[in-house]
PDB file of N, CA and C in Angstrom:
ATOM      1  N   MET A   1      -8.441   6.086   5.251  1.00  0.00           N
ATOM      2  CA  MET A   1      -7.858   7.399   5.305  1.00  0.00           C
ATOM      3  C   MET A   1      -6.881   7.449   6.547  1.00  0.00           C
ATOM      4  N   LEU A   2      -5.747   8.125   6.428  1.00  0.00           N
ATOM      5  CA  LEU A   2      -4.781   8.205   7.446  1.00  0.00           C
ATOM      6  C   LEU A   2      -5.157   9.082   8.599  1.00  0.00           C
ATOM      7  N   LYS A   3      -6.198   9.959   8.508  1.00  0.00           N
ATOM      8  CA  LYS A   3      -6.601  10.847   9.552  1.00  0.00           C
ATOM      9  C   LYS A   3      -5.438  11.694  10.011  1.00  0.00           C
ATOM     10  N   CYS A   4      -4.900  12.543   9.079  1.00  0.00           N
ATOM     11  CA  CYS A   4      -3.798  13.343   9.405  1.00  0.00           C
ATOM     12  C   CYS A   4      -3.812  14.561   8.534  1.00  0.00           C
ATOM     13  N   CYS A   5      -2.822  15.471   8.780  1.00  0.00           N
ATOM     14  CA  CYS A   5      -2.860  16.812   8.097  1.00  0.00           C
ATOM     15  C   CYS A   5      -1.367  17.229   7.965  1.00  0.00           C
ATOM     16  N   GLY A   6      -0.911  17.308   6.741  1.00  0.00           N
ATOM     17  CA  GLY A   6       0.429  17.755   6.545  1.00  0.00           C
ATOM     18  C   GLY A   6       1.468  16.649   6.772  1.00  0.00           C
ATOM     19  N   VAL A   7       2.705  16.922   6.444  1.00  0.00           N
ATOM     20  CA  VAL A   7       3.865  15.979   6.764  1.00  0.00           C
ATOM     21  C   VAL A   7       4.052  15.845   8.220  1.00  0.00           C
ATOM     22  N   ASN A   8       4.316  17.044   8.881  1.00  0.00           N
ATOM     23  CA  ASN A   8       4.545  17.108  10.333  1.00  0.00           C
ATOM     24  C   ASN A   8       3.327  17.396  11.084  1.00  0.00           C
ATOM     25  N   ASP A   9       2.521  18.281  10.669  1.00  0.00           N
ATOM     26  CA  ASP A   9       1.252  18.720  11.202  1.00  0.00           C
ATOM     27  C   ASP A   9       0.636  19.817  10.334  1.00  0.00           C
ATOM     28  N   GLY A  10      -0.495  20.405  10.734  1.00  0.00           N
ATOM     29  CA  GLY A  10      -1.209  21.398   9.924  1.00  0.00           C
ATOM     30  C   GLY A  10      -0.435  22.650   9.652  1.00  0.00           C
ATOM     31  N   GLU A  11       0.581  22.878  10.475  1.00  0.00           N
ATOM     32  CA  GLU A  11       1.345  24.142  10.295  1.00  0.00           C
ATOM     33  C   GLU A  11       2.168  24.091   8.977  1.00  0.00           C
ATOM     34  N   ASP A  12       2.295  22.901   8.399  1.00  0.00           N
ATOM     35  CA  ASP A  12       2.973  22.820   7.125  1.00  0.00           C
ATOM     36  C   ASP A  12       2.206  23.725   6.147  1.00  0.00           C
ATOM     37  N   PHE A  13       0.915  23.830   6.290  1.00  0.00           N
ATOM     38  CA  PHE A  13       0.086  24.572   5.266  1.00  0.00           C
ATOM     39  C   PHE A  13       0.102  26.048   5.596  1.00  0.00           C
ATOM     40  N   THR A  14       0.155  26.390   6.886  1.00  0.00           N
ATOM     41  CA  THR A  14       0.173  27.874   7.271  1.00  0.00           C
ATOM     42  C   THR A  14       1.506  28.491   6.803  1.00  0.00           C
ATOM     43  N   LYS A  15       2.548  27.759   6.790  1.00  0.00           N
ATOM     44  CA  LYS A  15       3.848  28.302   6.379  1.00  0.00           C
ATOM     45  C   LYS A  15       4.072  28.266   4.819  1.00  0.00           C
ATOM     46  N   SER A  16       3.240  27.549   4.023  1.00  0.00           N
ATOM     47  CA  SER A  16       3.384  27.420   2.675  1.00  0.00           C
ATOM     48  C   SER A  16       2.748  28.559   1.955  1.00  0.00           C
ATOM     49  N   THR A  17       3.534  29.007   0.929  1.00  0.00           N
ATOM     50  CA  THR A  17       2.972  30.044   0.023  1.00  0.00           C
ATOM     51  C   THR A  17       2.351  29.347  -1.187  1.00  0.00           C
ATOM     52  N   ASN A  18       2.462  28.153  -1.363  1.00  0.00           N
ATOM     53  CA  ASN A  18       1.837  27.429  -2.513  1.00  0.00           C
ATOM     54  C   ASN A  18       0.473  26.839  -2.228  1.00  0.00           C
ATOM     55  N   PHE A  19       0.040  26.937  -0.974  1.00  0.00           N
ATOM     56  CA  PHE A  19      -1.282  26.345  -0.597  1.00  0.00           C
ATOM     57  C   PHE A  19      -2.317  27.279  -1.031  1.00  0.00           C
ATOM     58  N   TRP A  20      -3.203  26.712  -1.923  1.00  0.00           N
ATOM     59  CA  TRP A  20      -4.405  27.417  -2.474  1.00  0.00           C
ATOM     60  C   TRP A  20      -5.433  27.500  -1.326  1.00  0.00           C
ATOM     61  N   ARG A  21      -5.787  28.560  -0.875  1.00  0.00           N
ATOM     62  CA  ARG A  21      -6.653  28.703   0.304  1.00  0.00           C
ATOM     63  C   ARG A  21      -8.155  28.634   0.035  1.00  0.00           C
ATOM     64  N   ASN A  22      -8.518  28.215  -1.202  1.00  0.00           N
ATOM     65  CA  ASN A  22      -9.950  28.080  -1.524  1.00  0.00           C
ATOM     66  C   ASN A  22     -10.160  26.590  -1.946  1.00  0.00           C
ATOM     67  N   ASP A  23     -11.333  26.082  -1.594  1.00  0.00           N
ATOM     68  CA  ASP A  23     -11.522  24.662  -1.931  1.00  0.00           C
ATOM     69  C   ASP A  23     -13.103  24.517  -2.126  1.00  0.00           C
ATOM     70  N   THR A  24     -13.509  23.463  -2.933  1.00  0.00           N
ATOM     71  CA  THR A  24     -14.903  23.106  -3.106  1.00  0.00           C
ATOM     72  C   THR A  24     -15.075  21.724  -2.819  1.00  0.00           C
ATOM     73  N   TYR A  25     -16.154  21.372  -2.135  1.00  0.00           N
ATOM     74  CA  TYR A  25     -16.556  20.003  -1.800  1.00  0.00           C
ATOM     75  C   TYR A  25     -18.091  19.807  -1.947  1.00  0.00           C
ATOM     76  N   VAL A  26     -18.577  18.926  -2.695  1.00  0.00           N
ATOM     77  CA  VAL A  26     -19.932  18.611  -2.924  1.00  0.00           C
ATOM     78  C   VAL A  26     -20.742  19.948  -3.183  1.00  0.00           C
ATOM     79  N   GLY A  27     -20.106  20.739  -4.155  1.00  0.00           N
ATOM     80  CA  GLY A  27     -20.800  21.993  -4.533  1.00  0.00           C
ATOM     81  C   GLY A  27     -20.697  23.093  -3.661  1.00  0.00           C
ATOM     82  N   GLU A  28     -20.130  22.917  -2.387  1.00  0.00           N
ATOM     83  CA  GLU A  28     -20.035  24.070  -1.485  1.00  0.00           C
ATOM     84  C   GLU A  28     -18.583  24.620  -1.481  1.00  0.00           C
ATOM     85  N   SER A  29     -18.467  25.890  -1.664  1.00  0.00           N
ATOM     86  CA  SER A  29     -17.122  26.489  -1.772  1.00  0.00           C
ATOM     87  C   SER A  29     -16.682  27.054  -0.395  1.00  0.00           C
ATOM     88  N   TYR A  30     -15.452  26.898  -0.138  1.00  0.00           N
ATOM     89  CA  TYR A  30     -14.854  27.310   1.094  1.00  0.00           C
ATOM     90  C   TYR A  30     -13.679  28.296   0.677  1.00  0.00           C
ATOM     91  N   THR A  31     -13.697  29.448   1.226  1.00  0.00           N
ATOM     92  CA  THR A  31     -12.740  30.495   0.859  1.00  0.00           C
ATOM     93  C   THR A  31     -11.889  30.848   2.060  1.00  0.00           C
ATOM     94  N   ASP A  32     -10.697  31.234   1.755  1.00  0.00           N
ATOM     95  CA  ASP A  32      -9.748  31.721   2.859  1.00  0.00           C
ATOM     96  C   ASP A  32      -9.623  30.730   3.970  1.00  0.00           C
ATOM     97  N   ILE A  33      -9.475  29.534   3.620  1.00  0.00           N
ATOM     98  CA  ILE A  33      -9.325  28.391   4.717  1.00  0.00           C
ATOM     99  C   ILE A  33      -7.846  28.332   5.097  1.00  0.00           C
ATOM    100  N   LYS A  34      -7.667  27.953   6.344  1.00  0.00           N
ATOM    101  CA  LYS A  34      -6.335  27.912   6.892  1.00  0.00           C
ATOM    102  C   LYS A  34      -5.598  26.644   6.525  1.00  0.00           C
ATOM    103  N   TYR A  35      -6.435  25.489   6.484  1.00  0.00           N
ATOM    104  CA  TYR A  35      -5.833  24.207   6.136  1.00  0.00           C
ATOM    105  C   TYR A  35      -6.765  23.599   5.086  1.00  0.00           C
ATOM    106  N   PRO A  36      -6.294  22.606   4.333  1.00  0.00           N
ATOM    107  CA  PRO A  36      -7.070  21.906   3.369  1.00  0.00           C
ATOM    108  C   PRO A  36      -8.222  21.121   3.933  1.00  0.00           C
ATOM    109  N   LEU A  37      -9.344  20.932   3.200  1.00  0.00           N
ATOM    110  CA  LEU A  37     -10.411  20.183   3.711  1.00  0.00           C
ATOM    111  C   LEU A  37     -10.151  18.876   4.311  1.00  0.00           C
ATOM    112  N   ILE A  38      -9.121  18.277   3.729  1.00  0.00           N
ATOM    113  CA  ILE A  38      -8.724  16.871   4.158  1.00  0.00           C
ATOM    114  C   ILE A  38      -8.246  16.897   5.529  1.00  0.00           C
ATOM    115  N   CYS A  39      -7.877  18.012   6.119  1.00  0.00           N
ATOM    116  CA  CYS A  39      -7.476  18.126   7.525  1.00  0.00           C
ATOM    117  C   CYS A  39      -8.662  18.027   8.471  1.00  0.00           C
ATOM    118  N   CYS A  40      -9.855  18.298   8.004  1.00  0.00           N
ATOM    119  CA  CYS A  40     -11.043  18.133   8.863  1.00  0.00           C
ATOM    120  C   CYS A  40     -11.250  16.694   9.123  1.00  0.00           C
ATOM    121  N   LYS A  41     -11.881  16.368  10.328  1.00  0.00           N
ATOM    122  CA  LYS A  41     -12.276  15.013  10.644  1.00  0.00           C
ATOM    123  C   LYS A  41     -13.529  14.671   9.818  1.00  0.00           C
ATOM    124  N   TRP A  42     -13.570  13.468   9.208  1.00  0.00           N
ATOM    125  CA  TRP A  42     -14.619  13.098   8.266  1.00  0.00           C
ATOM    126  C   TRP A  42     -15.454  11.940   8.989  1.00  0.00           C
ATOM    127  N   ASN A  43     -16.694  11.887   8.714  1.00  0.00           N
ATOM    128  CA  ASN A  43     -17.486  10.756   9.252  1.00  0.00           C
ATOM    129  C   ASN A  43     -17.382   9.645   8.131  1.00  0.00           C
ATOM    130  N   GLY A  44     -18.045   8.559   8.397  1.00  0.00           N
ATOM    131  CA  GLY A  44     -18.024   7.380   7.540  1.00  0.00           C
ATOM    132  C   GLY A  44     -18.301   7.554   6.115  1.00  0.00           C
ATOM    133  N   SER A  45     -19.285   8.463   5.768  1.00  0.00           N
ATOM    134  CA  SER A  45     -19.542   8.677   4.334  1.00  0.00           C
ATOM    135  C   SER A  45     -18.816   9.808   3.728  1.00  0.00           C
ATOM    136  N   HIS A  46     -17.810  10.251   4.368  1.00  0.00           N
ATOM    137  CA  HIS A  46     -16.858  11.291   3.931  1.00  0.00           C
ATOM    138  C   HIS A  46     -17.300  12.701   3.789  1.00  0.00           C
ATOM    139  N   PRO A  47     -18.493  13.162   4.267  1.00  0.00           N
ATOM    140  CA  PRO A  47     -18.695  14.663   4.171  1.00  0.00           C
ATOM    141  C   PRO A  47     -18.056  15.283   5.350  1.00  0.00           C
ATOM    142  N   VAL A  48     -17.761  16.595   5.282  1.00  0.00           N
ATOM    143  CA  VAL A  48     -17.166  17.291   6.367  1.00  0.00           C
ATOM    144  C   VAL A  48     -18.184  17.280   7.606  1.00  0.00           C
ATOM    145  N   THR A  49     -17.725  17.020   8.745  1.00  0.00           N
ATOM    146  CA  THR A  49     -18.581  17.042   9.859  1.00  0.00           C
ATOM    147  C   THR A  49     -19.054  18.415  10.209  1.00  0.00           C
ATOM    148  N   ASN A  50     -20.049  18.502  11.001  1.00  0.00           N
ATOM    149  CA  ASN A  50     -20.732  19.828  11.304  1.00  0.00           C
ATOM    150  C   ASN A  50     -20.201  20.404  12.583  1.00  0.00           C
ATOM    151  N   ASP A  51     -18.969  20.294  12.883  1.00  0.00           N
ATOM    152  CA  ASP A  51     -18.353  20.848  14.087  1.00  0.00           C
ATOM    153  C   ASP A  51     -17.606  22.107  13.772  1.00  0.00           C
ATOM    154  N   GLY A  52     -17.923  22.775  12.725  1.00  0.00           N
ATOM    155  CA  GLY A  52     -17.348  24.100  12.424  1.00  0.00           C
ATOM    156  C   GLY A  52     -16.121  23.995  11.429  1.00  0.00           C
ATOM    157  N   CYS A  53     -15.579  22.865  11.200  1.00  0.00           N
ATOM    158  CA  CYS A  53     -14.579  22.675  10.230  1.00  0.00           C
ATOM    159  C   CYS A  53     -15.110  22.676   8.845  1.00  0.00           C
ATOM    160  N   PRO A  54     -14.615  23.472   7.957  1.00  0.00           N
ATOM    161  CA  PRO A  54     -13.261  24.102   7.879  1.00  0.00           C
ATOM    162  C   PRO A  54     -13.288  25.602   8.218  1.00  0.00           C
ATOM    163  N   LYS A  55     -14.317  26.074   8.764  1.00  0.00           N
ATOM    164  CA  LYS A  55     -14.300  27.518   9.075  1.00  0.00           C
ATOM    165  C   LYS A  55     -13.441  27.776  10.319  1.00  0.00           C
ATOM    166  N   SER A  56     -13.587  26.897  11.367  1.00  0.00           N
ATOM    167  CA  SER A  56     -12.623  26.974  12.498  1.00  0.00           C
ATOM    168  C   SER A  56     -12.102  25.597  12.787  1.00  0.00           C
ATOM    169  N   TYR A  57     -10.797  25.486  13.013  1.00  0.00           N
ATOM    170  CA  TYR A  57     -10.145  24.210  13.167  1.00  0.00           C
ATOM    171  C   TYR A  57      -9.862  24.036  14.630  1.00  0.00           C
ATOM    172  N   THR A  58     -10.201  22.947  15.264  1.00  0.00           N
ATOM    173  CA  THR A  58      -9.901  22.636  16.644  1.00  0.00           C
ATOM    174  C   THR A  58      -9.404  21.136  16.696  1.00  0.00           C
ATOM    175  N   ASP A  59      -8.893  20.719  17.809  1.00  0.00           N
ATOM    176  CA  ASP A  59      -8.492  19.321  18.023  1.00  0.00           C
ATOM    177  C   ASP A  59      -9.706  18.463  17.853  1.00  0.00           C
ATOM    178  N   ARG A  60     -10.877  18.860  18.258  1.00  0.00           N
ATOM    179  CA  ARG A  60     -12.064  18.072  18.232  1.00  0.00           C
ATOM    180  C   ARG A  60     -12.630  17.813  16.811  1.00  0.00           C
ATOM    181  N   ASN A  61     -12.440  18.863  15.934  1.00  0.00           N
ATOM    182  CA  ASN A  61     -13.045  18.695  14.593  1.00  0.00           C
ATOM    183  C   ASN A  61     -12.051  18.534  13.467  1.00  0.00           C
ATOM    184  N   SER A  62     -10.773  18.427  13.826  1.00  0.00           N
ATOM    185  CA  SER A  62      -9.745  18.319  12.712  1.00  0.00           C
ATOM    186  C   SER A  62      -8.582  17.515  13.195  1.00  0.00           C
ATOM    187  N   ASN A  63      -7.727  17.200  12.224  1.00  0.00           N
ATOM    188  CA  ASN A  63      -6.458  16.428  12.561  1.00  0.00           C
ATOM    189  C   ASN A  63      -5.279  17.341  12.369  1.00  0.00           C
ATOM    190  N   ILE A  64      -5.326  18.645  12.679  1.00  0.00           N
ATOM    191  CA  ILE A  64      -4.264  19.613  12.402  1.00  0.00           C
ATOM    192  C   ILE A  64      -3.063  19.307  13.265  1.00  0.00           C
ATOM    193  N   ASN A  65      -3.149  18.732  14.362  1.00  0.00           N
ATOM    194  CA  ASN A  65      -2.056  18.368  15.204  1.00  0.00           C
ATOM    195  C   ASN A  65      -1.412  17.026  15.025  1.00  0.00           C
ATOM    196  N   ARG A  66      -1.877  16.315  13.899  1.00  0.00           N
ATOM    197  CA  ARG A  66      -1.396  14.937  13.616  1.00  0.00           C
ATOM    198  C   ARG A  66      -0.802  14.991  12.265  1.00  0.00           C
ATOM    199  N   GLY A  67       0.424  14.875  12.145  1.00  0.00           N
ATOM    200  CA  GLY A  67       1.112  14.787  10.759  1.00  0.00           C
ATOM    201  C   GLY A  67       0.923  13.447  10.175  1.00  0.00           C
ATOM    202  N   CYS A  68       1.175  13.392   8.865  1.00  0.00           N
ATOM    203  CA  CYS A  68       0.973  12.131   8.137  1.00  0.00           C
ATOM    204  C   CYS A  68       2.253  11.222   8.020  1.00  0.00           C
ATOM    205  N   MET A  69       3.382  11.711   8.439  1.00  0.00           N
ATOM    206  CA  MET A  69       4.672  10.929   8.247  1.00  0.00           C
ATOM    207  C   MET A  69       4.522   9.639   8.951  1.00  0.00           C
ATOM    208  N   ASP A  70       4.181   9.614  10.293  1.00  0.00           N
ATOM    209  CA  ASP A  70       4.157   8.340  11.027  1.00  0.00           C
ATOM    210  C   ASP A  70       3.073   7.389  10.560  1.00  0.00           C
ATOM    211  N   PRO A  71       1.815   7.895  10.358  1.00  0.00           N
ATOM    212  CA  PRO A  71       0.853   6.969   9.874  1.00  0.00           C
ATOM    213  C   PRO A  71       1.191   6.389   8.533  1.00  0.00           C
ATOM    214  N   LEU A  72       1.747   7.128   7.622  1.00  0.00           N
ATOM    215  CA  LEU A  72       2.170   6.662   6.363  1.00  0.00           C
ATOM    216  C   LEU A  72       3.245   5.620   6.447  1.00  0.00           C
ATOM    217  N   LYS A  73       4.222   5.893   7.279  1.00  0.00           N
ATOM    218  CA  LYS A  73       5.213   4.850   7.630  1.00  0.00           C
ATOM    219  C   LYS A  73       4.674   3.534   8.041  1.00  0.00           C
ATOM    220  N   ASP A  74       3.690   3.645   8.886  1.00  0.00           N
ATOM    221  CA  ASP A  74       3.085   2.462   9.526  1.00  0.00           C
ATOM    222  C   ASP A  74       2.384   1.629   8.385  1.00  0.00           C
ATOM    223  N   VAL A  75       1.744   2.290   7.503  1.00  0.00           N
ATOM    224  CA  VAL A  75       1.021   1.644   6.408  1.00  0.00           C
ATOM    225  C   VAL A  75       2.035   0.960   5.483  1.00  0.00           C
ATOM    226  N   ILE A  76       3.036   1.697   5.123  1.00  0.00           N
ATOM    227  CA  ILE A  76       4.044   1.228   4.228  1.00  0.00           C
ATOM    228  C   ILE A  76       4.799  -0.024   4.793  1.00  0.00           C
ATOM    229  N   PHE A  77       5.131   0.094   6.084  1.00  0.00           N
ATOM    230  CA  PHE A  77       5.879  -1.025   6.679  1.00  0.00           C
ATOM    231  C   PHE A  77       4.928  -2.234   6.929  1.00  0.00           C
ATOM    232  N   GLN A  78       3.699  -2.059   7.108  1.00  0.00           N
ATOM    233  CA  GLN A  78       2.751  -3.129   7.265  1.00  0.00           C
ATOM    234  C   GLN A  78       2.744  -3.919   5.955  1.00  0.00           C
ATOM    235  N   TYR A  79       2.664  -3.336   4.922  1.00  0.00           N
ATOM    236  CA  TYR A  79       2.595  -3.978   3.550  1.00  0.00           C
ATOM    237  C   TYR A  79       3.978  -4.499   3.116  1.00  0.00           C
ATOM    238  N   LEU A  80       5.018  -3.771   3.586  1.00  0.00           N
ATOM    239  CA  LEU A  80       6.381  -4.167   3.312  1.00  0.00           C
ATOM    240  C   LEU A  80       6.697  -5.519   3.933  1.00  0.00           C
ATOM    241  N   ASP A  81       6.234  -5.763   5.152  1.00  0.00           N
ATOM    242  CA  ASP A  81       6.409  -6.986   5.813  1.00  0.00           C
ATOM    243  C   ASP A  81       5.740  -8.125   5.018  1.00  0.00           C
ATOM    244  N   ILE A  82       4.475  -7.919   4.583  1.00  0.00           N
ATOM    245  CA  ILE A  82       3.744  -8.953   3.867  1.00  0.00           C
ATOM    246  C   ILE A  82       4.510  -9.303   2.552  1.00  0.00           C
ATOM    247  N   ALA A  83       5.020  -8.267   1.836  1.00  0.00           N
ATOM    248  CA  ALA A  83       5.725  -8.479   0.613  1.00  0.00           C
ATOM    249  C   ALA A  83       7.106  -9.260   0.869  1.00  0.00           C
ATOM    250  N   ALA A  84       7.755  -8.848   1.976  1.00  0.00           N
ATOM    251  CA  ALA A  84       8.979  -9.621   2.330  1.00  0.00           C
ATOM    252  C   ALA A  84       8.735 -11.095   2.607  1.00  0.00           C
ATOM    253  N   TYR A  85       7.687 -11.376   3.334  1.00  0.00           N
ATOM    254  CA  TYR A  85       7.377 -12.751   3.687  1.00  0.00           C
ATOM    255  C   TYR A  85       6.995 -13.479   2.481  1.00  0.00           C
ATOM    256  N   ALA A  86       6.218 -12.921   1.583  1.00  0.00           N
ATOM    257  CA  ALA A  86       5.821 -13.585   0.312  1.00  0.00           C
ATOM    258  C   ALA A  86       7.046 -13.850  -0.521  1.00  0.00           C
ATOM    259  N   LEU A  87       7.974 -12.913  -0.638  1.00  0.00           N
ATOM    260  CA  LEU A  87       9.243 -13.047  -1.390  1.00  0.00           C
ATOM    261  C   LEU A  87      10.082 -14.255  -0.867  1.00  0.00           C
ATOM    262  N   ILE A  88      10.207 -14.249   0.516  1.00  0.00           N
ATOM    263  CA  ILE A  88      10.924 -15.328   1.137  1.00  0.00           C
ATOM    264  C   ILE A  88      10.317 -16.673   0.823  1.00  0.00           C
ATOM    265  N   GLY A  89       9.005 -16.798   0.907  1.00  0.00           N
ATOM    266  CA  GLY A  89       8.284 -17.994   0.679  1.00  0.00           C
ATOM    267  C   GLY A  89       8.474 -18.437  -0.847  1.00  0.00           C
ATOM    268  N   VAL A  90       8.349 -17.553  -1.707  1.00  0.00           N
ATOM    269  CA  VAL A  90       8.485 -17.963  -3.195  1.00  0.00           C
ATOM    270  C   VAL A  90       9.946 -18.342  -3.404  1.00  0.00           C
ATOM    271  N   SER A  91      10.941 -17.649  -2.802  1.00  0.00           N
ATOM    272  CA  SER A  91      12.376 -18.031  -2.955  1.00  0.00           C
ATOM    273  C   SER A  91      12.609 -19.428  -2.475  1.00  0.00           C
ATOM    274  N   VAL A  92      12.093 -19.819  -1.327  1.00  0.00           N
ATOM    275  CA  VAL A  92      12.279 -21.111  -0.688  1.00  0.00           C
ATOM    276  C   VAL A  92      11.624 -22.165  -1.691  1.00  0.00           C
ATOM    277  N   LEU A  93      10.429 -21.891  -2.161  1.00  0.00           N
ATOM    278  CA  LEU A  93       9.801 -22.832  -3.033  1.00  0.00           C
ATOM    279  C   LEU A  93      10.584 -23.005  -4.332  1.00  0.00           C
ATOM    280  N   LEU A  94      11.164 -21.928  -4.926  1.00  0.00           N
ATOM    281  CA  LEU A  94      12.011 -22.049  -6.055  1.00  0.00           C
ATOM    282  C   LEU A  94      13.226 -22.849  -5.821  1.00  0.00           C
ATOM    283  N   PHE A  95      13.826 -22.626  -4.671  1.00  0.00           N
ATOM    284  CA  PHE A  95      15.030 -23.355  -4.221  1.00  0.00           C
ATOM    285  C   PHE A  95      14.736 -24.824  -4.146  1.00  0.00           C
ATOM    286  N   ILE A  96      13.673 -25.189  -3.560  1.00  0.00           N
ATOM    287  CA  ILE A  96      13.284 -26.614  -3.429  1.00  0.00           C
ATOM    288  C   ILE A  96      13.028 -27.228  -4.832  1.00  0.00           C
ATOM    289  N   ILE A  97      12.416 -26.521  -5.752  1.00  0.00           N
ATOM    290  CA  ILE A  97      12.161 -26.952  -7.071  1.00  0.00           C
ATOM    291  C   ILE A  97      13.510 -27.202  -7.824  1.00  0.00           C
ATOM    292  N   VAL A  98      14.463 -26.290  -7.688  1.00  0.00           N
ATOM    293  CA  VAL A  98      15.807 -26.484  -8.263  1.00  0.00           C
ATOM    294  C   VAL A  98      16.475 -27.642  -7.726  1.00  0.00           C
ATOM    295  N   LEU A  99      16.434 -27.827  -6.381  1.00  0.00           N
ATOM    296  CA  LEU A  99      17.031 -29.019  -5.718  1.00  0.00           C
ATOM    297  C   LEU A  99      16.444 -30.315  -6.316  1.00  0.00           C
ATOM    298  N   LEU A 100      15.146 -30.373  -6.475  1.00  0.00           N
ATOM    299  CA  LEU A 100      14.464 -31.600  -6.974  1.00  0.00           C
ATOM    300  C   LEU A 100      14.882 -31.819  -8.444  1.00  0.00           C
ATOM    301  N   THR A 101      14.929 -30.779  -9.164  1.00  0.00           N
ATOM    302  CA  THR A 101      15.393 -30.893 -10.606  1.00  0.00           C
ATOM    303  C   THR A 101      16.772 -31.381 -10.677  1.00  0.00           C
ATOM    304  N   VAL A 102      17.683 -30.861  -9.922  1.00  0.00           N
ATOM    305  CA  VAL A 102      19.057 -31.354  -9.981  1.00  0.00           C
ATOM    306  C   VAL A 102      19.125 -32.783  -9.480  1.00  0.00           C
ATOM    307  N   ALA A 103      18.342 -33.170  -8.516  1.00  0.00           N
ATOM    308  CA  ALA A 103      18.343 -34.583  -8.048  1.00  0.00           C
ATOM    309  C   ALA A 103      17.813 -35.543  -9.090  1.00  0.00           C
ATOM    310  N   LEU A 104      16.805 -35.107  -9.825  1.00  0.00           N
ATOM    311  CA  LEU A 104      16.200 -35.901 -10.941  1.00  0.00           C
ATOM    312  C   LEU A 104      17.226 -36.069 -12.058  1.00  0.00           C
ATOM    313  N   ILE A 105      17.900 -34.997 -12.388  1.00  0.00           N
ATOM    314  CA  ILE A 105      18.804 -35.119 -13.480  1.00  0.00           C
ATOM    315  C   ILE A 105      20.042 -35.989 -13.079  1.00  0.00           C
ATOM    316  N   ARG A 106      20.511 -35.804 -11.842  1.00  0.00           N
ATOM    317  CA  ARG A 106      21.721 -36.670 -11.424  1.00  0.00           C
ATOM    318  C   ARG A 106      21.346 -38.109 -11.286  1.00  0.00           C
ATOM    319  N   SER A 107      20.105 -38.457 -10.938  1.00  0.00           N
ATOM    320  CA  SER A 107      19.714 -39.806 -10.813  1.00  0.00           C
ATOM    321  C   SER A 107      19.557 -40.458 -12.204  1.00  0.00           C
ATOM    322  N   GLY A 108      19.426 -39.714 -13.229  1.00  0.00           N
ATOM    323  CA  GLY A 108      19.269 -40.236 -14.540  1.00  0.00           C
ATOM    324  C   GLY A 108      17.804 -40.614 -14.774  1.00  0.00           C
ATOM    325  N   GLY A 109      16.959 -40.198 -13.902  1.00  0.00           N
ATOM    326  CA  GLY A 109      15.503 -40.543 -13.989  1.00  0.00           C
ATOM    327  C   GLY A 109      14.887 -40.038 -15.282  1.00  0.00           C
ATOM    328  N   ALA A 110      15.264 -38.910 -15.720  1.00  0.00           N
ATOM    329  CA  ALA A 110      14.709 -38.293 -16.925  1.00  0.00           C
ATOM    330  C   ALA A 110      15.209 -39.084 -18.123  1.00  0.00           C
ATOM    331  N   ARG A 111      16.487 -39.461 -18.106  1.00  0.00           N
ATOM    332  CA  ARG A 111      17.046 -40.197 -19.226  1.00  0.00           C
ATOM    333  C   ARG A 111      16.416 -41.649 -19.320  1.00  0.00           C
ATOM    334  N   LYS A 112      16.233 -42.293 -18.198  1.00  0.00           N
ATOM    335  CA  LYS A 112      15.609 -43.621 -18.155  1.00  0.00           C
ATOM    336  C   LYS A 112      14.154 -43.533 -18.704  1.00  0.00           C
ATOM    337  N   GLN A 113      13.474 -42.546 -18.255  1.00  0.00           N
ATOM    338  CA  GLN A 113      12.145 -42.403 -18.819  1.00  0.00           C
ATOM    339  C   GLN A 113      12.069 -42.164 -20.271  1.00  0.00           C
ATOM    340  N   TYR A 114      12.995 -41.447 -20.819  1.00  0.00           N
ATOM    341  CA  TYR A 114      13.031 -41.206 -22.192  1.00  0.00           C
ATOM    342  C   TYR A 114      13.311 -42.467 -22.983  1.00  0.00           C
ATOM    343  N   GLN A 115      14.224 -43.324 -22.438  1.00  0.00           N
ATOM    344  CA  GLN A 115      14.593 -44.570 -23.103  1.00  0.00           C
ATOM    345  C   GLN A 115      13.383 -45.499 -23.103  1.00  0.00           C
ATOM    346  N   VAL A 116      12.663 -45.595 -22.030  1.00  0.00           N
ATOM    347  CA  VAL A 116      11.470 -46.414 -21.957  1.00  0.00           C
ATOM    348  C   VAL A 116      10.497 -45.976 -22.968  1.00  0.00           C
ATOM    349  N   ASP A 117      10.214 -44.659 -23.056  1.00  0.00           N
ATOM    350  CA  ASP A 117       9.287 -44.123 -24.041  1.00  0.00           C
ATOM    351  C   ASP A 117       9.720 -44.460 -25.481  1.00  0.00           C
ATOM    352  N   THR A 118      11.042 -44.476 -25.735  1.00  0.00           N
ATOM    353  CA  THR A 118      11.521 -44.689 -27.087  1.00  0.00           C
ATOM    354  C   THR A 118      11.284 -46.226 -27.410  1.00  0.00           C
ATOM    355  N   LYS A 119      11.405 -47.092 -26.475  1.00  0.00           N
ATOM    356  CA  LYS A 119      11.267 -48.519 -26.763  1.00  0.00           C
ATOM    357  C   LYS A 119       9.729 -48.741 -27.023  1.00  0.00           C
ATOM    358  N   LEU A 120       8.837 -48.132 -26.258  1.00  0.00           N
ATOM    359  CA  LEU A 120       7.381 -48.221 -26.484  1.00  0.00           C
ATOM    360  C   LEU A 120       7.015 -47.727 -27.807  1.00  0.00           C
ATOM    361  N   MET A 121       7.583 -46.659 -28.240  1.00  0.00           N
ATOM    362  CA  MET A 121       7.241 -46.054 -29.508  1.00  0.00           C
ATOM    363  C   MET A 121       7.729 -47.017 -30.643  1.00  0.00           C
ATOM    364  N   SER A 122       8.889 -47.667 -30.570  1.00  0.00           N
ATOM    365  CA  SER A 122       9.336 -48.568 -31.661  1.00  0.00           C
ATOM    366  C   SER A 122       8.436 -49.805 -31.700  1.00  0.00           C
ATOM    367  N   ASN A 123       7.936 -50.300 -30.563  1.00  0.00           N
ATOM    368  CA  ASN A 123       7.067 -51.439 -30.550  1.00  0.00           C
ATOM    369  C   ASN A 123       5.674 -51.174 -31.246  1.00  0.00           C
ATOM    370  N   ILE A 124       5.266 -49.952 -31.016  1.00  0.00           N
ATOM    371  CA  ILE A 124       3.939 -49.550 -31.567  1.00  0.00           C
ATOM    372  C   ILE A 124       4.033 -49.365 -33.075  1.00  0.00           C
ATOM    373  N   GLN A 125       5.130 -48.970 -33.594  1.00  0.00           N
ATOM    374  CA  GLN A 125       5.334 -48.734 -35.037  1.00  0.00           C
ATOM    375  C   GLN A 125       5.551 -50.144 -35.638  1.00  0.00           C
TER     376      GLN A 125
END
């Protein structure tokens, strides 16, 4: 989990007219909440912690002051680097294969092998 709330911070939800202010989690309903339940800090097994969130939001029990834009960018760029290195590695490997193929064709190695195989086949028959 990114441990964040909103794009910029939790105020994104207080300004929004489209935020549904009621939510349910594990059979418990929360009404007239200021921020979504995901803005509360969660423990390892993902239930809402017992620090008053979502009834009252503080820095201690929620992530309302930490937006998701920067953590999301960090995750994207982390995997983007891995993908870029993999792409570069595959490209280098393909380039080496093309060079070896061109060298084999130019040396006539493939043609000589074919001629040898043809002679062997005529002797067998």
